[in-house]
Amino acid sequence: SASSPWAENVTLHISTNDGRIARMRELDAPVIPAQGQLTFSPGANHLMLTGLYSPLVAGDTVPVSLRFRSAGDITVMLKVLPLGERPVARHDH
């Protein structure tokens, strides 16, 4: 699961394209194998923050806690980018 002090709810979704139809559905509990990874990217796996307590502004840094069944809680800091800007690929631990 996921949570953030900036929103009432944080859910994990996946977007897919079925021909010319874009679909999005919530993922309950994705299985990530040991030493595996789950990649987040626009148009694929993503976190959805709903019930925001204030609008997100480009440059904000939003804390999100990810809860893993075996690994416990891990807090990540997500940077809000200007609309249309894509993140630069990075791999941090």
PDB file of N, CA and C in Angstrom:
ATOM      1  N   SER A   1       0.850  -1.182   0.000  1.00  0.00           N
ATOM      2  CA  SER A   1       0.000   0.000   0.000  1.00  0.00           C
ATOM      3  C   SER A   1       0.889   1.236   0.000  1.00  0.00           C
ATOM      4  N   ALA A   2       0.255   2.386  -0.108  1.00  0.00           N
ATOM      5  CA  ALA A   2       0.992   3.648  -0.115  1.00  0.00           C
ATOM      6  C   ALA A   2       0.162   4.713   0.586  1.00  0.00           C
ATOM      7  N   SER A   3       0.856   5.712   1.130  1.00  0.00           N
ATOM      8  CA  SER A   3       0.167   6.834   1.771  1.00  0.00           C
ATOM      9  C   SER A   3       1.048   8.072   1.672  1.00  0.00           C
ATOM     10  N   SER A   4       0.423   9.226   1.870  1.00  0.00           N
ATOM     11  CA  SER A   4       1.154  10.489   1.842  1.00  0.00           C
ATOM     12  C   SER A   4       0.426  11.494   2.725  1.00  0.00           C
ATOM     13  N   PRO A   5       1.168  12.314   3.451  1.00  0.00           N
ATOM     14  CA  PRO A   5       0.511  13.353   4.232  1.00  0.00           C
ATOM     15  C   PRO A   5      -0.109  14.448   3.354  1.00  0.00           C
ATOM     16  N   TRP A   6       0.107  14.380   2.048  1.00  0.00           N
ATOM     17  CA  TRP A   6      -0.429  15.373   1.127  1.00  0.00           C
ATOM     18  C   TRP A   6      -1.784  14.985   0.547  1.00  0.00           C
ATOM     19  N   ALA A   7      -2.237  13.725   0.795  1.00  0.00           N
ATOM     20  CA  ALA A   7      -3.468  13.265   0.154  1.00  0.00           C
ATOM     21  C   ALA A   7      -4.224  12.297   1.060  1.00  0.00           C
ATOM     22  N   GLU A   8      -5.534  12.251   0.866  1.00  0.00           N
ATOM     23  CA  GLU A   8      -6.356  11.298   1.612  1.00  0.00           C
ATOM     24  C   GLU A   8      -6.024   9.866   1.222  1.00  0.00           C
ATOM     25  N   ASN A   9      -5.774   9.627  -0.068  1.00  0.00           N
ATOM     26  CA  ASN A   9      -5.513   8.279  -0.564  1.00  0.00           C
ATOM     27  C   ASN A   9      -4.386   8.283  -1.581  1.00  0.00           C
ATOM     28  N   VAL A  10      -3.604   7.197  -1.574  1.00  0.00           N
ATOM     29  CA  VAL A  10      -2.594   6.957  -2.602  1.00  0.00           C
ATOM     30  C   VAL A  10      -2.807   5.515  -3.066  1.00  0.00           C
ATOM     31  N   THR A  11      -3.062   5.347  -4.356  1.00  0.00           N
ATOM     32  CA  THR A  11      -3.300   4.014  -4.902  1.00  0.00           C
ATOM     33  C   THR A  11      -2.378   3.767  -6.082  1.00  0.00           C
ATOM     34  N   LEU A  12      -2.119   2.497  -6.324  1.00  0.00           N
ATOM     35  CA  LEU A  12      -1.274   2.082  -7.440  1.00  0.00           C
ATOM     36  C   LEU A  12      -2.171   1.690  -8.600  1.00  0.00           C
ATOM     37  N   HIS A  13      -1.899   2.245  -9.773  1.00  0.00           N
ATOM     38  CA  HIS A  13      -2.677   1.959 -10.973  1.00  0.00           C
ATOM     39  C   HIS A  13      -1.755   1.531 -12.111  1.00  0.00           C
ATOM     40  N   ILE A  14      -2.346   0.858 -13.073  1.00  0.00           N
ATOM     41  CA  ILE A  14      -1.630   0.530 -14.302  1.00  0.00           C
ATOM     42  C   ILE A  14      -2.473   1.024 -15.474  1.00  0.00           C
ATOM     43  N   SER A  15      -1.811   1.644 -16.431  1.00  0.00           N
ATOM     44  CA  SER A  15      -2.470   2.087 -17.667  1.00  0.00           C
ATOM     45  C   SER A  15      -2.037   1.162 -18.788  1.00  0.00           C
ATOM     46  N   THR A  16      -2.989   0.782 -19.625  1.00  0.00           N
ATOM     47  CA  THR A  16      -2.693  -0.058 -20.780  1.00  0.00           C
ATOM     48  C   THR A  16      -3.464   0.477 -21.975  1.00  0.00           C
ATOM     49  N   ASN A  17      -3.019   0.122 -23.156  1.00  0.00           N
ATOM     50  CA  ASN A  17      -3.724   0.466 -24.382  1.00  0.00           C
ATOM     51  C   ASN A  17      -4.235  -0.809 -25.016  1.00  0.00           C
ATOM     52  N   ASP A  18      -5.520  -0.832 -25.304  1.00  0.00           N
ATOM     53  CA  ASP A  18      -6.167  -1.959 -25.962  1.00  0.00           C
ATOM     54  C   ASP A  18      -6.620  -1.450 -27.319  1.00  0.00           C
ATOM     55  N   GLY A  19      -5.711  -1.564 -28.298  1.00  0.00           N
ATOM     56  CA  GLY A  19      -5.993  -0.952 -29.591  1.00  0.00           C
ATOM     57  C   GLY A  19      -5.942   0.554 -29.443  1.00  0.00           C
ATOM     58  N   ARG A  20      -7.045   1.218 -29.725  1.00  0.00           N
ATOM     59  CA  ARG A  20      -7.105   2.680 -29.601  1.00  0.00           C
ATOM     60  C   ARG A  20      -7.775   3.114 -28.311  1.00  0.00           C
ATOM     61  N   ILE A  21      -8.029   2.160 -27.403  1.00  0.00           N
ATOM     62  CA  ILE A  21      -8.705   2.478 -26.149  1.00  0.00           C
ATOM     63  C   ILE A  21      -7.704   2.412 -25.000  1.00  0.00           C
ATOM     64  N   ALA A  22      -7.559   3.514 -24.282  1.00  0.00           N
ATOM     65  CA  ALA A  22      -6.695   3.550 -23.108  1.00  0.00           C
ATOM     66  C   ALA A  22      -7.512   3.108 -21.895  1.00  0.00           C
ATOM     67  N   ARG A  23      -6.910   2.233 -21.105  1.00  0.00           N
ATOM     68  CA  ARG A  23      -7.594   1.736 -19.913  1.00  0.00           C
ATOM     69  C   ARG A  23      -6.675   1.919 -18.702  1.00  0.00           C
ATOM     70  N   MET A  24      -7.304   2.141 -17.546  1.00  0.00           N
ATOM     71  CA  MET A  24      -6.562   2.268 -16.305  1.00  0.00           C
ATOM     72  C   MET A  24      -7.304   1.462 -15.249  1.00  0.00           C
ATOM     73  N   ARG A  25      -6.532   0.696 -14.452  1.00  0.00           N
ATOM     74  CA  ARG A  25      -7.156  -0.046 -13.370  1.00  0.00           C
ATOM     75  C   ARG A  25      -6.236  -0.043 -12.155  1.00  0.00           C
ATOM     76  N   GLU A  26      -6.839  -0.182 -10.988  1.00  0.00           N
ATOM     77  CA  GLU A  26      -6.076  -0.207  -9.750  1.00  0.00           C
ATOM     78  C   GLU A  26      -5.439  -1.577  -9.572  1.00  0.00           C
ATOM     79  N   LEU A  27      -4.209  -1.580  -9.082  1.00  0.00           N
ATOM     80  CA  LEU A  27      -3.511  -2.819  -8.740  1.00  0.00           C
ATOM     81  C   LEU A  27      -3.597  -2.996  -7.226  1.00  0.00           C
ATOM     82  N   ASP A  28      -4.087  -4.133  -6.779  1.00  0.00           N
ATOM     83  CA  ASP A  28      -4.248  -4.363  -5.345  1.00  0.00           C
ATOM     84  C   ASP A  28      -2.917  -4.591  -4.642  1.00  0.00           C
ATOM     85  N   ALA A  29      -2.192  -5.612  -5.043  1.00  0.00           N
ATOM     86  CA  ALA A  29      -0.932  -5.947  -4.385  1.00  0.00           C
ATOM     87  C   ALA A  29      -0.008  -6.611  -5.396  1.00  0.00           C
ATOM     88  N   PRO A  30       0.722  -5.813  -6.162  1.00  0.00           N
ATOM     89  CA  PRO A  30       1.609  -6.414  -7.154  1.00  0.00           C
ATOM     90  C   PRO A  30       2.684  -7.260  -6.477  1.00  0.00           C
ATOM     91  N   VAL A  31       3.037  -8.359  -7.105  1.00  0.00           N
ATOM     92  CA  VAL A  31       4.082  -9.233  -6.586  1.00  0.00           C
ATOM     93  C   VAL A  31       5.417  -8.778  -7.175  1.00  0.00           C
ATOM     94  N   ILE A  32       6.336  -8.451  -6.294  1.00  0.00           N
ATOM     95  CA  ILE A  32       7.681  -8.054  -6.711  1.00  0.00           C
ATOM     96  C   ILE A  32       8.624  -9.118  -6.160  1.00  0.00           C
ATOM     97  N   PRO A  33       9.238  -9.928  -7.027  1.00  0.00           N
ATOM     98  CA  PRO A  33      10.113 -10.999  -6.536  1.00  0.00           C
ATOM     99  C   PRO A  33      11.355 -10.434  -5.847  1.00  0.00           C
ATOM    100  N   ALA A  34      11.982 -11.259  -5.008  1.00  0.00           N
ATOM    101  CA  ALA A  34      13.226 -10.861  -4.343  1.00  0.00           C
ATOM    102  C   ALA A  34      14.216 -10.366  -5.388  1.00  0.00           C
ATOM    103  N   GLN A  35      14.852  -9.257  -5.103  1.00  0.00           N
ATOM    104  CA  GLN A  35      15.812  -8.609  -5.991  1.00  0.00           C
ATOM    105  C   GLN A  35      15.160  -8.070  -7.261  1.00  0.00           C
ATOM    106  N   GLY A  36      13.814  -8.085  -7.334  1.00  0.00           N
ATOM    107  CA  GLY A  36      13.099  -7.586  -8.501  1.00  0.00           C
ATOM    108  C   GLY A  36      12.772  -6.112  -8.337  1.00  0.00           C
ATOM    109  N   GLN A  37      12.031  -5.599  -9.283  1.00  0.00           N
ATOM    110  CA  GLN A  37      11.652  -4.186  -9.234  1.00  0.00           C
ATOM    111  C   GLN A  37      10.302  -3.986  -9.898  1.00  0.00           C
ATOM    112  N   LEU A  38       9.655  -2.918  -9.525  1.00  0.00           N
ATOM    113  CA  LEU A  38       8.429  -2.471 -10.163  1.00  0.00           C
ATOM    114  C   LEU A  38       8.707  -1.060 -10.653  1.00  0.00           C
ATOM    115  N   THR A  39       8.610  -0.847 -11.943  1.00  0.00           N
ATOM    116  CA  THR A  39       8.952   0.436 -12.546  1.00  0.00           C
ATOM    117  C   THR A  39       7.698   1.296 -12.684  1.00  0.00           C
ATOM    118  N   PHE A  40       7.826   2.566 -12.322  1.00  0.00           N
ATOM    119  CA  PHE A  40       6.761   3.539 -12.488  1.00  0.00           C
ATOM    120  C   PHE A  40       7.121   4.447 -13.653  1.00  0.00           C
ATOM    121  N   SER A  41       6.165   4.675 -14.541  1.00  0.00           N
ATOM    122  CA  SER A  41       6.411   5.561 -15.671  1.00  0.00           C
ATOM    123  C   SER A  41       5.084   6.076 -16.209  1.00  0.00           C
ATOM    124  N   PRO A  42       5.106   7.235 -16.868  1.00  0.00           N
ATOM    125  CA  PRO A  42       3.875   7.760 -17.454  1.00  0.00           C
ATOM    126  C   PRO A  42       3.281   6.756 -18.445  1.00  0.00           C
ATOM    127  N   GLY A  43       1.990   6.543 -18.358  1.00  0.00           N
ATOM    128  CA  GLY A  43       1.319   5.633 -19.268  1.00  0.00           C
ATOM    129  C   GLY A  43       1.455   4.174 -18.904  1.00  0.00           C
ATOM    130  N   ALA A  44       2.011   3.873 -17.726  1.00  0.00           N
ATOM    131  CA  ALA A  44       2.164   2.478 -17.284  1.00  0.00           C
ATOM    132  C   ALA A  44       1.815   2.423 -15.790  1.00  0.00           C
ATOM    133  N   ASN A  45       2.686   1.827 -14.969  1.00  0.00           N
ATOM    134  CA  ASN A  45       2.453   1.814 -13.525  1.00  0.00           C
ATOM    135  C   ASN A  45       2.633   3.221 -12.978  1.00  0.00           C
ATOM    136  N   HIS A  46       1.698   3.636 -12.120  1.00  0.00           N
ATOM    137  CA  HIS A  46       1.820   4.960 -11.519  1.00  0.00           C
ATOM    138  C   HIS A  46       1.056   5.015 -10.206  1.00  0.00           C
ATOM    139  N   LEU A  47       1.422   5.975  -9.374  1.00  0.00           N
ATOM    140  CA  LEU A  47       0.700   6.236  -8.137  1.00  0.00           C
ATOM    141  C   LEU A  47      -0.324   7.328  -8.400  1.00  0.00           C
ATOM    142  N   MET A  48      -1.509   7.169  -7.837  1.00  0.00           N
ATOM    143  CA  MET A  48      -2.546   8.178  -7.971  1.00  0.00           C
ATOM    144  C   MET A  48      -2.855   8.750  -6.591  1.00  0.00           C
ATOM    145  N   LEU A  49      -2.651  10.035  -6.432  1.00  0.00           N
ATOM    146  CA  LEU A  49      -2.978  10.719  -5.192  1.00  0.00           C
ATOM    147  C   LEU A  49      -4.343  11.370  -5.353  1.00  0.00           C
ATOM    148  N   THR A  50      -5.288  11.018  -4.481  1.00  0.00           N
ATOM    149  CA  THR A  50      -6.627  11.598  -4.535  1.00  0.00           C
ATOM    150  C   THR A  50      -6.940  12.246  -3.197  1.00  0.00           C
ATOM    151  N   GLY A  51      -7.821  13.222  -3.250  1.00  0.00           N
ATOM    152  CA  GLY A  51      -8.161  13.967  -2.044  1.00  0.00           C
ATOM    153  C   GLY A  51      -6.985  14.793  -1.561  1.00  0.00           C
ATOM    154  N   LEU A  52      -6.346  15.502  -2.499  1.00  0.00           N
ATOM    155  CA  LEU A  52      -5.192  16.333  -2.142  1.00  0.00           C
ATOM    156  C   LEU A  52      -5.600  17.409  -1.138  1.00  0.00           C
ATOM    157  N   TYR A  53      -4.735  17.657  -0.164  1.00  0.00           N
ATOM    158  CA  TYR A  53      -5.004  18.685   0.836  1.00  0.00           C
ATOM    159  C   TYR A  53      -4.669  20.079   0.324  1.00  0.00           C
ATOM    160  N   SER A  54      -3.837  20.158  -0.715  1.00  0.00           N
ATOM    161  CA  SER A  54      -3.551  21.417  -1.403  1.00  0.00           C
ATOM    162  C   SER A  54      -3.053  21.056  -2.802  1.00  0.00           C
ATOM    163  N   PRO A  55      -3.168  21.998  -3.747  1.00  0.00           N
ATOM    164  CA  PRO A  55      -2.723  21.689  -5.117  1.00  0.00           C
ATOM    165  C   PRO A  55      -1.228  21.400  -5.169  1.00  0.00           C
ATOM    166  N   LEU A  56      -0.847  20.502  -6.074  1.00  0.00           N
ATOM    167  CA  LEU A  56       0.568  20.229  -6.310  1.00  0.00           C
ATOM    168  C   LEU A  56       1.116  21.311  -7.235  1.00  0.00           C
ATOM    169  N   VAL A  57       2.280  21.818  -6.903  1.00  0.00           N
ATOM    170  CA  VAL A  57       2.909  22.890  -7.672  1.00  0.00           C
ATOM    171  C   VAL A  57       4.273  22.404  -8.138  1.00  0.00           C
ATOM    172  N   ALA A  58       4.614  22.683  -9.389  1.00  0.00           N
ATOM    173  CA  ALA A  58       5.922  22.298  -9.919  1.00  0.00           C
ATOM    174  C   ALA A  58       7.009  22.760  -8.956  1.00  0.00           C
ATOM    175  N   GLY A  59       7.905  21.843  -8.633  1.00  0.00           N
ATOM    176  CA  GLY A  59       8.986  22.139  -7.699  1.00  0.00           C
ATOM    177  C   GLY A  59       8.730  21.582  -6.304  1.00  0.00           C
ATOM    178  N   ASP A  60       7.462  21.280  -5.974  1.00  0.00           N
ATOM    179  CA  ASP A  60       7.153  20.660  -4.682  1.00  0.00           C
ATOM    180  C   ASP A  60       7.831  19.304  -4.577  1.00  0.00           C
ATOM    181  N   THR A  61       8.138  18.902  -3.368  1.00  0.00           N
ATOM    182  CA  THR A  61       8.626  17.558  -3.094  1.00  0.00           C
ATOM    183  C   THR A  61       7.618  16.904  -2.169  1.00  0.00           C
ATOM    184  N   VAL A  62       7.045  15.797  -2.619  1.00  0.00           N
ATOM    185  CA  VAL A  62       5.958  15.134  -1.911  1.00  0.00           C
ATOM    186  C   VAL A  62       6.451  13.817  -1.308  1.00  0.00           C
ATOM    187  N   PRO A  63       6.333  13.654   0.019  1.00  0.00           N
ATOM    188  CA  PRO A  63       6.716  12.383   0.622  1.00  0.00           C
ATOM    189  C   PRO A  63       5.621  11.341   0.409  1.00  0.00           C
ATOM    190  N   VAL A  64       6.025  10.135   0.027  1.00  0.00           N
ATOM    191  CA  VAL A  64       5.099   9.014  -0.133  1.00  0.00           C
ATOM    192  C   VAL A  64       5.704   7.818   0.582  1.00  0.00           C
ATOM    193  N   SER A  65       4.924   7.195   1.456  1.00  0.00           N
ATOM    194  CA  SER A  65       5.362   5.991   2.151  1.00  0.00           C
ATOM    195  C   SER A  65       4.822   4.775   1.414  1.00  0.00           C
ATOM    196  N   LEU A  66       5.718   3.885   1.029  1.00  0.00           N
ATOM    197  CA  LEU A  66       5.352   2.633   0.379  1.00  0.00           C
ATOM    198  C   LEU A  66       5.447   1.527   1.415  1.00  0.00           C
ATOM    199  N   ARG A  67       4.407   0.735   1.547  1.00  0.00           N
ATOM    200  CA  ARG A  67       4.389  -0.349   2.532  1.00  0.00           C
ATOM    201  C   ARG A  67       4.520  -1.688   1.811  1.00  0.00           C
ATOM    202  N   PHE A  68       5.549  -2.431   2.190  1.00  0.00           N
ATOM    203  CA  PHE A  68       5.809  -3.740   1.616  1.00  0.00           C
ATOM    204  C   PHE A  68       5.533  -4.815   2.663  1.00  0.00           C
ATOM    205  N   ARG A  69       4.978  -5.916   2.229  1.00  0.00           N
ATOM    206  CA  ARG A  69       4.622  -7.003   3.147  1.00  0.00           C
ATOM    207  C   ARG A  69       5.840  -7.489   3.931  1.00  0.00           C
ATOM    208  N   SER A  70       6.957  -7.692   3.264  1.00  0.00           N
ATOM    209  CA  SER A  70       8.142  -8.227   3.944  1.00  0.00           C
ATOM    210  C   SER A  70       9.149  -7.156   4.349  1.00  0.00           C
ATOM    211  N   ALA A  71       9.264  -6.104   3.563  1.00  0.00           N
ATOM    212  CA  ALA A  71      10.296  -5.087   3.805  1.00  0.00           C
ATOM    213  C   ALA A  71       9.828  -3.948   4.706  1.00  0.00           C
ATOM    214  N   GLY A  72       8.530  -3.881   4.997  1.00  0.00           N
ATOM    215  CA  GLY A  72       8.026  -2.797   5.832  1.00  0.00           C
ATOM    216  C   GLY A  72       7.832  -1.516   5.037  1.00  0.00           C
ATOM    217  N   ASP A  73       7.900  -0.378   5.737  1.00  0.00           N
ATOM    218  CA  ASP A  73       7.655   0.929   5.121  1.00  0.00           C
ATOM    219  C   ASP A  73       8.943   1.562   4.617  1.00  0.00           C
ATOM    220  N   ILE A  74       8.845   2.158   3.433  1.00  0.00           N
ATOM    221  CA  ILE A  74       9.950   2.920   2.851  1.00  0.00           C
ATOM    222  C   ILE A  74       9.363   4.242   2.365  1.00  0.00           C
ATOM    223  N   THR A  75       9.941   5.351   2.799  1.00  0.00           N
ATOM    224  CA  THR A  75       9.462   6.657   2.365  1.00  0.00           C
ATOM    225  C   THR A  75      10.331   7.166   1.226  1.00  0.00           C
ATOM    226  N   VAL A  76       9.674   7.595   0.158  1.00  0.00           N
ATOM    227  CA  VAL A  76      10.366   8.179  -0.988  1.00  0.00           C
ATOM    228  C   VAL A  76       9.890   9.615  -1.148  1.00  0.00           C
ATOM    229  N   MET A  77      10.736  10.435  -1.735  1.00  0.00           N
ATOM    230  CA  MET A  77      10.385  11.830  -1.993  1.00  0.00           C
ATOM    231  C   MET A  77      10.193  11.990  -3.497  1.00  0.00           C
ATOM    232  N   LEU A  78       9.006  12.441  -3.888  1.00  0.00           N
ATOM    233  CA  LEU A  78       8.676  12.602  -5.302  1.00  0.00           C
ATOM    234  C   LEU A  78       8.650  14.077  -5.657  1.00  0.00           C
ATOM    235  N   LYS A  79       9.366  14.447  -6.707  1.00  0.00           N
ATOM    236  CA  LYS A  79       9.420  15.832  -7.153  1.00  0.00           C
ATOM    237  C   LYS A  79       8.300  16.084  -8.158  1.00  0.00           C
ATOM    238  N   VAL A  80       7.547  17.151  -7.941  1.00  0.00           N
ATOM    239  CA  VAL A  80       6.476  17.534  -8.869  1.00  0.00           C
ATOM    240  C   VAL A  80       7.104  18.298 -10.031  1.00  0.00           C
ATOM    241  N   LEU A  81       6.895  17.780 -11.241  1.00  0.00           N
ATOM    242  CA  LEU A  81       7.443  18.395 -12.452  1.00  0.00           C
ATOM    243  C   LEU A  81       6.388  19.256 -13.125  1.00  0.00           C
ATOM    244  N   PRO A  82       6.814  20.223 -13.927  1.00  0.00           N
ATOM    245  CA  PRO A  82       5.845  20.995 -14.708  1.00  0.00           C
ATOM    246  C   PRO A  82       5.061  20.075 -15.639  1.00  0.00           C
ATOM    247  N   LEU A  83       3.823  20.404 -15.894  1.00  0.00           N
ATOM    248  CA  LEU A  83       2.970  19.601 -16.758  1.00  0.00           C
ATOM    249  C   LEU A  83       3.656  19.351 -18.100  1.00  0.00           C
ATOM    250  N   GLY A  84       3.717  18.089 -18.510  1.00  0.00           N
ATOM    251  CA  GLY A  84       4.325  17.722 -19.788  1.00  0.00           C
ATOM    252  C   GLY A  84       5.797  17.390 -19.708  1.00  0.00           C
ATOM    253  N   GLU A  85       6.477  17.763 -18.623  1.00  0.00           N
ATOM    254  CA  GLU A  85       7.901  17.452 -18.495  1.00  0.00           C
ATOM    255  C   GLU A  85       8.068  16.008 -18.044  1.00  0.00           C
ATOM    256  N   ARG A  86       9.023  15.303 -18.650  1.00  0.00           N
ATOM    257  CA  ARG A  86       9.285  13.911 -18.301  1.00  0.00           C
ATOM    258  C   ARG A  86      10.473  13.840 -17.351  1.00  0.00           C
ATOM    259  N   PRO A  87      10.420  12.911 -16.406  1.00  0.00           N
ATOM    260  CA  PRO A  87      11.563  12.769 -15.484  1.00  0.00           C
ATOM    261  C   PRO A  87      12.790  12.244 -16.193  1.00  0.00           C
ATOM    262  N   VAL A  88      13.960  12.592 -15.692  1.00  0.00           N
ATOM    263  CA  VAL A  88      15.211  12.068 -16.186  1.00  0.00           C
ATOM    264  C   VAL A  88      15.416  10.710 -15.545  1.00  0.00           C
ATOM    265  N   ALA A  89      15.771   9.701 -16.332  1.00  0.00           N
ATOM    266  CA  ALA A  89      15.957   8.342 -15.805  1.00  0.00           C
ATOM    267  C   ALA A  89      17.064   8.334 -14.775  1.00  0.00           C
ATOM    268  N   ARG A  90      16.742   7.797 -13.584  1.00  0.00           N
ATOM    269  CA  ARG A  90      17.699   7.657 -12.489  1.00  0.00           C
ATOM    270  C   ARG A  90      17.440   6.344 -11.793  1.00  0.00           C
ATOM    271  N   HIS A  91      18.435   5.878 -11.081  1.00  0.00           N
ATOM    272  CA  HIS A  91      18.262   4.653 -10.309  1.00  0.00           C
ATOM    273  C   HIS A  91      18.907   4.892  -8.943  1.00  0.00           C
ATOM    274  N   ASP A  92      18.085   5.259  -7.970  1.00  0.00           N
ATOM    275  CA  ASP A  92      18.589   5.536  -6.618  1.00  0.00           C
ATOM    276  C   ASP A  92      18.038   4.500  -5.659  1.00  0.00           C
ATOM    277  N   HIS A  93      18.784   4.235  -4.605  1.00  0.00           N
ATOM    278  CA  HIS A  93      18.308   3.345  -3.540  1.00  0.00           C
ATOM    279  C   HIS A  93      18.254   4.124  -2.260  1.00  0.00           C
TER     280      HIS A  93
END
